[in-house]
């Protein structure tokens, strides 16, 4: 499993920012990015391995 950090810009475009091994690391990085004055929307999702 991996945790993906996403960003949505002011035009509604979504971008993968980075991939993390743990939710804690992803959310720590998200907190760092949301402290800046330029507001973007950030969120994390869990990538589940669907391979048999």
N, C-alpha and C. Protein backbone atom coordinates (compact mmCIF):
# COMPACT_ATOMS: atom_id res chain seq x y z
N UNK A 1 0.83 -1.19 0.00
CA UNK A 1 0.00 0.00 0.00
C UNK A 1 0.87 1.25 0.00
N UNK A 2 0.31 2.30 -0.52
CA UNK A 2 1.00 3.58 -0.56
C UNK A 2 -0.04 4.67 -0.34
N UNK A 3 0.44 5.83 0.08
CA UNK A 3 -0.42 6.99 0.29
C UNK A 3 -0.04 8.04 -0.72
N UNK A 4 -1.03 8.51 -1.48
CA UNK A 4 -0.81 9.49 -2.53
C UNK A 4 -1.24 10.86 -2.04
N UNK A 5 -0.42 11.86 -2.33
CA UNK A 5 -0.74 13.24 -2.00
C UNK A 5 -1.09 13.96 -3.29
N UNK A 6 -2.29 14.54 -3.33
CA UNK A 6 -2.81 15.21 -4.52
C UNK A 6 -2.97 16.71 -4.26
N UNK A 7 -2.96 17.46 -5.36
CA UNK A 7 -3.19 18.91 -5.31
C UNK A 7 -4.15 19.28 -6.42
N UNK A 8 -5.06 20.18 -6.12
CA UNK A 8 -5.93 20.76 -7.14
C UNK A 8 -5.65 22.24 -7.22
N UNK A 9 -5.38 22.71 -8.43
CA UNK A 9 -5.06 24.13 -8.58
C UNK A 9 -6.33 24.96 -8.74
N UNK A 10 -6.13 26.26 -8.91
CA UNK A 10 -7.26 27.19 -9.01
C UNK A 10 -8.11 26.97 -10.25
N UNK A 11 -7.57 26.26 -11.24
CA UNK A 11 -8.31 25.97 -12.47
C UNK A 11 -9.00 24.61 -12.43
N UNK A 12 -8.91 23.93 -11.31
CA UNK A 12 -9.56 22.64 -11.16
C UNK A 12 -8.76 21.45 -11.65
N UNK A 13 -7.52 21.69 -12.08
CA UNK A 13 -6.68 20.59 -12.54
C UNK A 13 -6.07 19.88 -11.33
N UNK A 14 -6.01 18.57 -11.40
CA UNK A 14 -5.49 17.76 -10.29
C UNK A 14 -4.14 17.16 -10.67
N UNK A 15 -3.23 17.15 -9.67
CA UNK A 15 -1.88 16.66 -9.89
C UNK A 15 -1.45 15.77 -8.73
N UNK A 16 -0.74 14.71 -9.05
CA UNK A 16 -0.13 13.89 -8.03
C UNK A 16 1.14 14.60 -7.56
N UNK A 17 1.23 14.89 -6.27
CA UNK A 17 2.38 15.61 -5.72
C UNK A 17 3.49 14.63 -5.37
N UNK A 18 3.14 13.56 -4.65
CA UNK A 18 4.15 12.60 -4.20
C UNK A 18 3.46 11.34 -3.70
N UNK A 19 4.25 10.29 -3.49
CA UNK A 19 3.77 9.02 -2.97
C UNK A 19 4.54 8.72 -1.69
N UNK A 20 3.84 8.27 -0.66
CA UNK A 20 4.45 8.03 0.65
C UNK A 20 4.14 6.61 1.13
N UNK A 21 5.00 6.10 1.97
CA UNK A 21 4.83 4.76 2.52
C UNK A 21 3.78 4.72 3.62
N UNK A 22 3.58 5.84 4.30
CA UNK A 22 2.62 5.86 5.41
C UNK A 22 1.71 7.07 5.31
N UNK A 23 0.54 6.93 5.91
CA UNK A 23 -0.41 8.03 5.95
C UNK A 23 0.16 9.20 6.73
N UNK A 24 0.90 8.91 7.80
CA UNK A 24 1.47 9.98 8.63
C UNK A 24 2.43 10.86 7.83
N UNK A 25 3.27 10.24 7.02
CA UNK A 25 4.21 11.02 6.21
C UNK A 25 3.49 11.86 5.17
N UNK A 26 2.46 11.29 4.55
CA UNK A 26 1.69 12.02 3.55
C UNK A 26 0.99 13.22 4.19
N UNK A 27 0.38 13.01 5.34
CA UNK A 27 -0.34 14.09 6.00
C UNK A 27 0.59 15.15 6.57
N UNK A 28 1.79 14.75 6.99
CA UNK A 28 2.78 15.72 7.44
C UNK A 28 3.19 16.64 6.29
N UNK A 29 3.43 16.05 5.14
CA UNK A 29 3.80 16.86 3.97
C UNK A 29 2.65 17.76 3.53
N UNK A 30 1.42 17.23 3.60
CA UNK A 30 0.26 18.04 3.25
C UNK A 30 0.14 19.24 4.19
N UNK A 31 0.39 19.03 5.47
CA UNK A 31 0.34 20.13 6.44
C UNK A 31 1.39 21.18 6.12
N UNK A 32 2.58 20.75 5.72
CA UNK A 32 3.64 21.69 5.34
C UNK A 32 3.20 22.53 4.14
N UNK A 33 2.61 21.90 3.16
CA UNK A 33 2.21 22.61 1.94
C UNK A 33 1.05 23.56 2.17
N UNK A 34 0.17 23.25 3.10
CA UNK A 34 -0.99 24.12 3.33
C UNK A 34 -0.65 25.32 4.20
N UNK A 35 0.55 25.38 4.75
CA UNK A 35 0.96 26.53 5.57
C UNK A 35 1.33 27.75 4.74
N UNK A 36 1.58 27.57 3.45
CA UNK A 36 1.99 28.69 2.61
C UNK A 36 0.79 29.58 2.28
N UNK A 37 1.06 30.79 1.89
CA UNK A 37 -0.01 31.75 1.64
C UNK A 37 -0.82 31.42 0.38
N UNK A 38 -0.19 30.84 -0.64
CA UNK A 38 -0.90 30.52 -1.86
C UNK A 38 -1.77 29.29 -1.61
N UNK A 39 -3.06 29.47 -1.62
CA UNK A 39 -3.98 28.39 -1.25
C UNK A 39 -4.27 27.47 -2.43
N UNK A 40 -4.03 26.22 -2.20
CA UNK A 40 -4.40 25.14 -3.11
C UNK A 40 -5.17 24.12 -2.27
N UNK A 41 -5.83 23.21 -2.92
CA UNK A 41 -6.51 22.14 -2.21
C UNK A 41 -5.63 20.90 -2.26
N UNK A 42 -5.36 20.33 -1.10
CA UNK A 42 -4.55 19.11 -1.00
C UNK A 42 -5.36 18.04 -0.30
N UNK A 43 -5.13 16.78 -0.68
CA UNK A 43 -5.76 15.66 0.01
C UNK A 43 -4.92 14.41 -0.22
N UNK A 44 -5.15 13.42 0.60
CA UNK A 44 -4.44 12.15 0.47
C UNK A 44 -5.45 11.05 0.16
N UNK A 45 -4.96 10.05 -0.56
CA UNK A 45 -5.74 8.85 -0.83
C UNK A 45 -4.84 7.65 -0.62
N UNK A 46 -5.46 6.55 -0.30
CA UNK A 46 -4.72 5.32 -0.11
C UNK A 46 -4.77 4.54 -1.42
N UNK A 47 -3.61 4.10 -1.88
CA UNK A 47 -3.54 3.27 -3.07
C UNK A 47 -3.49 1.83 -2.62
N UNK A 48 -4.50 1.08 -2.98
CA UNK A 48 -4.59 -0.31 -2.57
C UNK A 48 -4.11 -1.19 -3.72
N UNK A 49 -3.25 -2.12 -3.38
CA UNK A 49 -2.74 -3.05 -4.39
C UNK A 49 -3.84 -4.03 -4.78
N UNK A 50 -4.23 -4.00 -6.04
CA UNK A 50 -5.31 -4.87 -6.51
C UNK A 50 -4.79 -6.06 -7.31
N UNK A 51 -3.49 -6.26 -7.30
CA UNK A 51 -2.91 -7.40 -8.03
C UNK A 51 -3.22 -8.69 -7.26
N UNK A 52 -3.49 -9.77 -8.01
CA UNK A 52 -3.79 -11.05 -7.35
C UNK A 52 -2.62 -11.64 -6.62
